[in-house]
Amino acid sequence: MAHPEHALSSPAPRLQLVWCALMLLTLLSYYGLNRFSEHTFVLLVLAAMWLKGQLLVDHFMGLRQARWFWRALMALYLSGVTVAIGLAFLLD
């Protein structure tokens, strides 16, 4: 039987790839800070935010294999938060 410490220190390769994707999306958002117009940058960050949220829900929360209701509920939540932040930016 493997020790619990060992199981936590070596995540599955898929989770490592997802983590790298999350880091890459974060770095790309920072890289685009002074390279795009304000509105384009906000749209890119909102898209990256939604994608990062979906990756977290699917892989780290384990809902990739969950019933459609829970996946749809989280997708609606992520979309609602993304739209709310986008509207807050537009109304500012």
N, C-alpha and C. Protein backbone atom coordinates (compact mmCIF):
# COMPACT_ATOMS: atom_id res chain seq x y z
N MET A 1 0.84 -1.18 0.00
CA MET A 1 0.00 0.00 0.00
C MET A 1 0.89 1.25 0.00
N ALA A 2 0.57 2.21 -0.85
CA ALA A 2 1.37 3.43 -0.96
C ALA A 2 1.08 4.36 0.22
N HIS A 3 2.08 5.11 0.59
CA HIS A 3 1.91 6.08 1.65
C HIS A 3 1.11 7.27 1.15
N PRO A 4 0.24 7.86 1.97
CA PRO A 4 -0.57 9.01 1.53
C PRO A 4 0.30 10.19 1.08
N GLU A 5 1.46 10.37 1.70
CA GLU A 5 2.33 11.49 1.31
C GLU A 5 2.80 11.32 -0.12
N HIS A 6 3.09 10.08 -0.49
CA HIS A 6 3.57 9.82 -1.84
C HIS A 6 2.46 10.07 -2.87
N ALA A 7 1.25 9.71 -2.53
CA ALA A 7 0.13 9.92 -3.44
C ALA A 7 -0.11 11.40 -3.68
N LEU A 8 0.11 12.24 -2.67
CA LEU A 8 -0.12 13.67 -2.83
C LEU A 8 1.02 14.35 -3.58
N SER A 9 2.22 13.80 -3.49
CA SER A 9 3.37 14.46 -4.11
C SER A 9 3.51 14.15 -5.58
N SER A 10 2.83 13.15 -6.10
CA SER A 10 2.95 12.82 -7.52
C SER A 10 1.57 12.71 -8.17
N PRO A 11 1.00 13.85 -8.56
CA PRO A 11 -0.32 13.81 -9.20
C PRO A 11 -0.23 13.14 -10.57
N ALA A 12 -1.35 12.73 -11.06
CA ALA A 12 -1.42 12.10 -12.37
C ALA A 12 -0.89 13.05 -13.43
N PRO A 13 -0.28 12.51 -14.48
CA PRO A 13 0.26 13.38 -15.55
C PRO A 13 -0.78 14.31 -16.15
N ARG A 14 -2.03 13.86 -16.24
CA ARG A 14 -3.09 14.73 -16.79
C ARG A 14 -3.27 15.97 -15.93
N LEU A 15 -3.25 15.80 -14.61
CA LEU A 15 -3.40 16.95 -13.72
C LEU A 15 -2.21 17.90 -13.83
N GLN A 16 -1.04 17.35 -14.06
CA GLN A 16 0.13 18.20 -14.27
C GLN A 16 -0.02 19.03 -15.54
N LEU A 17 -0.55 18.42 -16.59
CA LEU A 17 -0.78 19.16 -17.84
C LEU A 17 -1.83 20.24 -17.65
N VAL A 18 -2.89 19.93 -16.91
CA VAL A 18 -3.93 20.93 -16.64
C VAL A 18 -3.34 22.07 -15.82
N TRP A 19 -2.53 21.75 -14.83
CA TRP A 19 -1.89 22.79 -14.03
C TRP A 19 -1.01 23.67 -14.90
N CYS A 20 -0.24 23.07 -15.80
CA CYS A 20 0.60 23.85 -16.72
C CYS A 20 -0.26 24.74 -17.63
N ALA A 21 -1.39 24.23 -18.08
CA ALA A 21 -2.30 25.04 -18.90
C ALA A 21 -2.83 26.23 -18.10
N LEU A 22 -3.16 26.01 -16.83
CA LEU A 22 -3.63 27.10 -15.98
C LEU A 22 -2.55 28.17 -15.83
N MET A 23 -1.32 27.74 -15.62
CA MET A 23 -0.21 28.69 -15.48
C MET A 23 0.04 29.44 -16.78
N LEU A 24 -0.03 28.72 -17.91
CA LEU A 24 0.18 29.35 -19.22
C LEU A 24 -0.89 30.40 -19.50
N LEU A 25 -2.15 30.09 -19.19
CA LEU A 25 -3.22 31.07 -19.38
C LEU A 25 -3.01 32.30 -18.50
N THR A 26 -2.53 32.10 -17.30
CA THR A 26 -2.25 33.23 -16.40
C THR A 26 -1.12 34.08 -16.96
N LEU A 27 -0.06 33.44 -17.41
CA LEU A 27 1.08 34.19 -17.97
C LEU A 27 0.70 34.91 -19.26
N LEU A 28 -0.11 34.27 -20.09
CA LEU A 28 -0.56 34.93 -21.32
C LEU A 28 -1.43 36.15 -21.03
N SER A 29 -2.23 36.06 -19.99
CA SER A 29 -3.05 37.21 -19.59
C SER A 29 -2.15 38.37 -19.17
N TYR A 30 -1.12 38.05 -18.40
CA TYR A 30 -0.18 39.09 -17.97
C TYR A 30 0.60 39.64 -19.16
N TYR A 31 1.01 38.77 -20.07
CA TYR A 31 1.77 39.19 -21.25
C TYR A 31 0.95 40.15 -22.11
N GLY A 32 -0.35 39.93 -22.22
CA GLY A 32 -1.20 40.77 -23.06
C GLY A 32 -1.59 42.09 -22.44
N LEU A 33 -1.16 42.34 -21.20
CA LEU A 33 -1.58 43.53 -20.47
C LEU A 33 -1.34 44.82 -21.24
N ASN A 34 -0.16 45.02 -21.79
CA ASN A 34 0.15 46.27 -22.50
C ASN A 34 0.24 46.09 -24.01
N ARG A 35 -0.24 44.96 -24.51
CA ARG A 35 -0.09 44.67 -25.93
C ARG A 35 -1.41 44.76 -26.71
N PHE A 36 -2.51 44.87 -26.02
CA PHE A 36 -3.82 44.94 -26.67
C PHE A 36 -4.56 46.17 -26.18
N SER A 37 -5.59 46.55 -26.95
CA SER A 37 -6.44 47.63 -26.47
C SER A 37 -7.16 47.17 -25.21
N GLU A 38 -7.69 48.12 -24.48
CA GLU A 38 -8.32 47.80 -23.20
C GLU A 38 -9.47 46.80 -23.35
N HIS A 39 -10.34 47.03 -24.34
CA HIS A 39 -11.49 46.16 -24.52
C HIS A 39 -11.07 44.77 -24.99
N THR A 40 -10.11 44.70 -25.90
CA THR A 40 -9.62 43.41 -26.37
C THR A 40 -8.98 42.65 -25.22
N PHE A 41 -8.19 43.34 -24.42
CA PHE A 41 -7.54 42.69 -23.29
C PHE A 41 -8.56 42.13 -22.31
N VAL A 42 -9.59 42.89 -22.00
CA VAL A 42 -10.62 42.43 -21.07
C VAL A 42 -11.33 41.21 -21.63
N LEU A 43 -11.64 41.20 -22.91
CA LEU A 43 -12.29 40.04 -23.52
C LEU A 43 -11.39 38.81 -23.45
N LEU A 44 -10.11 38.99 -23.71
CA LEU A 44 -9.17 37.87 -23.62
C LEU A 44 -9.06 37.34 -22.20
N VAL A 45 -9.00 38.25 -21.23
CA VAL A 45 -8.91 37.81 -19.84
C VAL A 45 -10.19 37.11 -19.40
N LEU A 46 -11.34 37.61 -19.83
CA LEU A 46 -12.60 36.96 -19.48
C LEU A 46 -12.68 35.55 -20.09
N ALA A 47 -12.23 35.41 -21.33
CA ALA A 47 -12.21 34.08 -21.97
C ALA A 47 -11.26 33.15 -21.23
N ALA A 48 -10.08 33.66 -20.87
CA ALA A 48 -9.11 32.84 -20.13
C ALA A 48 -9.67 32.47 -18.76
N MET A 49 -10.36 33.40 -18.12
CA MET A 49 -10.95 33.14 -16.81
C MET A 49 -12.00 32.03 -16.90
N TRP A 50 -12.84 32.08 -17.92
CA TRP A 50 -13.86 31.06 -18.09
C TRP A 50 -13.21 29.70 -18.35
N LEU A 51 -12.20 29.67 -19.21
CA LEU A 51 -11.52 28.42 -19.53
C LEU A 51 -10.81 27.85 -18.30
N LYS A 52 -10.16 28.70 -17.53
CA LYS A 52 -9.50 28.25 -16.32
C LYS A 52 -10.52 27.69 -15.32
N GLY A 53 -11.64 28.35 -15.18
CA GLY A 53 -12.70 27.86 -14.30
C GLY A 53 -13.21 26.50 -14.74
N GLN A 54 -13.39 26.33 -16.05
CA GLN A 54 -13.87 25.06 -16.57
C GLN A 54 -12.85 23.95 -16.34
N LEU A 55 -11.57 24.27 -16.50
CA LEU A 55 -10.52 23.28 -16.22
C LEU A 55 -10.52 22.88 -14.75
N LEU A 56 -10.69 23.86 -13.87
CA LEU A 56 -10.74 23.56 -12.45
C LEU A 56 -11.93 22.67 -12.11
N VAL A 57 -13.08 23.00 -12.67
CA VAL A 57 -14.29 22.21 -12.40
C VAL A 57 -14.13 20.79 -12.92
N ASP A 58 -13.63 20.64 -14.13
CA ASP A 58 -13.52 19.31 -14.73
C ASP A 58 -12.47 18.44 -14.05
N HIS A 59 -11.31 19.00 -13.80
CA HIS A 59 -10.18 18.16 -13.39
C HIS A 59 -9.90 18.19 -11.89
N PHE A 60 -9.95 19.35 -11.27
CA PHE A 60 -9.58 19.42 -9.86
C PHE A 60 -10.78 19.22 -8.93
N MET A 61 -11.97 19.56 -9.40
CA MET A 61 -13.16 19.28 -8.60
C MET A 61 -13.73 17.89 -8.93
N GLY A 62 -13.25 17.31 -10.01
CA GLY A 62 -13.66 15.96 -10.38
C GLY A 62 -15.03 15.86 -11.00
N LEU A 63 -15.53 16.93 -11.59
CA LEU A 63 -16.88 16.88 -12.17
C LEU A 63 -16.89 16.44 -13.63
N ARG A 64 -15.73 16.09 -14.16
CA ARG A 64 -15.68 15.63 -15.55
C ARG A 64 -16.54 14.38 -15.75
N GLN A 65 -16.61 13.53 -14.75
CA GLN A 65 -17.39 12.29 -14.84
C GLN A 65 -18.72 12.39 -14.10
N ALA A 66 -19.06 13.58 -13.63
CA ALA A 66 -20.31 13.75 -12.88
C ALA A 66 -21.51 13.77 -13.82
N ARG A 67 -22.67 13.71 -13.24
CA ARG A 67 -23.91 13.78 -14.03
C ARG A 67 -24.00 15.14 -14.70
N TRP A 68 -24.76 15.15 -15.80
CA TRP A 68 -24.87 16.36 -16.61
C TRP A 68 -25.42 17.52 -15.80
N PHE A 69 -26.30 17.29 -14.85
CA PHE A 69 -26.89 18.39 -14.08
C PHE A 69 -25.82 19.19 -13.35
N TRP A 70 -24.88 18.51 -12.70
CA TRP A 70 -23.85 19.20 -11.94
C TRP A 70 -22.88 19.92 -12.86
N ARG A 71 -22.57 19.31 -13.99
CA ARG A 71 -21.69 19.98 -14.96
C ARG A 71 -22.37 21.23 -15.53
N ALA A 72 -23.66 21.09 -15.86
CA ALA A 72 -24.40 22.23 -16.41
C ALA A 72 -24.54 23.34 -15.36
N LEU A 73 -24.77 22.96 -14.12
CA LEU A 73 -24.88 23.95 -13.05
C LEU A 73 -23.59 24.75 -12.91
N MET A 74 -22.46 24.07 -12.92
CA MET A 74 -21.17 24.77 -12.81
C MET A 74 -20.88 25.60 -14.06
N ALA A 75 -21.25 25.11 -15.24
CA ALA A 75 -21.06 25.88 -16.47
C ALA A 75 -21.90 27.16 -16.43
N LEU A 76 -23.12 27.05 -15.94
CA LEU A 76 -23.97 28.25 -15.80
C LEU A 76 -23.39 29.22 -14.79
N TYR A 77 -22.88 28.70 -13.70
CA TYR A 77 -22.25 29.56 -12.69
C TYR A 77 -21.04 30.29 -13.28
N LEU A 78 -20.17 29.55 -13.95
CA LEU A 78 -18.98 30.17 -14.55
C LEU A 78 -19.38 31.22 -15.60
N SER A 79 -20.36 30.89 -16.40
CA SER A 79 -20.81 31.84 -17.42
C SER A 79 -21.42 33.08 -16.78
N GLY A 80 -22.20 32.88 -15.72
CA GLY A 80 -22.81 34.01 -15.03
C GLY A 80 -21.78 34.94 -14.41
N VAL A 81 -20.78 34.37 -13.77
CA VAL A 81 -19.72 35.18 -13.18
C VAL A 81 -18.95 35.93 -14.27
N THR A 82 -18.64 35.25 -15.37
CA THR A 82 -17.92 35.89 -16.47
C THR A 82 -18.71 37.05 -17.05
N VAL A 83 -19.99 36.84 -17.29
CA VAL A 83 -20.84 37.90 -17.83
C VAL A 83 -20.97 39.05 -16.84
N ALA A 84 -21.12 38.76 -15.56
CA ALA A 84 -21.25 39.80 -14.55
C ALA A 84 -19.98 40.67 -14.49
N ILE A 85 -18.83 40.04 -14.55
CA ILE A 85 -17.58 40.81 -14.54
C ILE A 85 -17.45 41.63 -15.81
N GLY A 86 -17.82 41.04 -16.94
CA GLY A 86 -17.78 41.79 -18.21
C GLY A 86 -18.72 42.99 -18.19
N LEU A 87 -19.92 42.80 -17.66
CA LEU A 87 -20.88 43.92 -17.56
C LEU A 87 -20.37 44.99 -16.60
N ALA A 88 -19.77 44.58 -15.50
CA ALA A 88 -19.23 45.55 -14.56
C ALA A 88 -18.15 46.38 -15.24
N PHE A 89 -17.34 45.76 -16.07
CA PHE A 89 -16.31 46.50 -16.79
C PHE A 89 -16.96 47.48 -17.78
N LEU A 90 -17.97 47.03 -18.53
CA LEU A 90 -18.60 47.88 -19.53
C LEU A 90 -19.34 49.06 -18.88
N LEU A 91 -19.91 48.87 -17.73
CA LEU A 91 -20.67 49.93 -17.07
C LEU A 91 -19.79 50.92 -16.32
N ASP A 92 -18.52 50.61 -16.20
CA ASP A 92 -17.60 51.50 -15.47
C ASP A 92 -17.26 52.72 -16.29
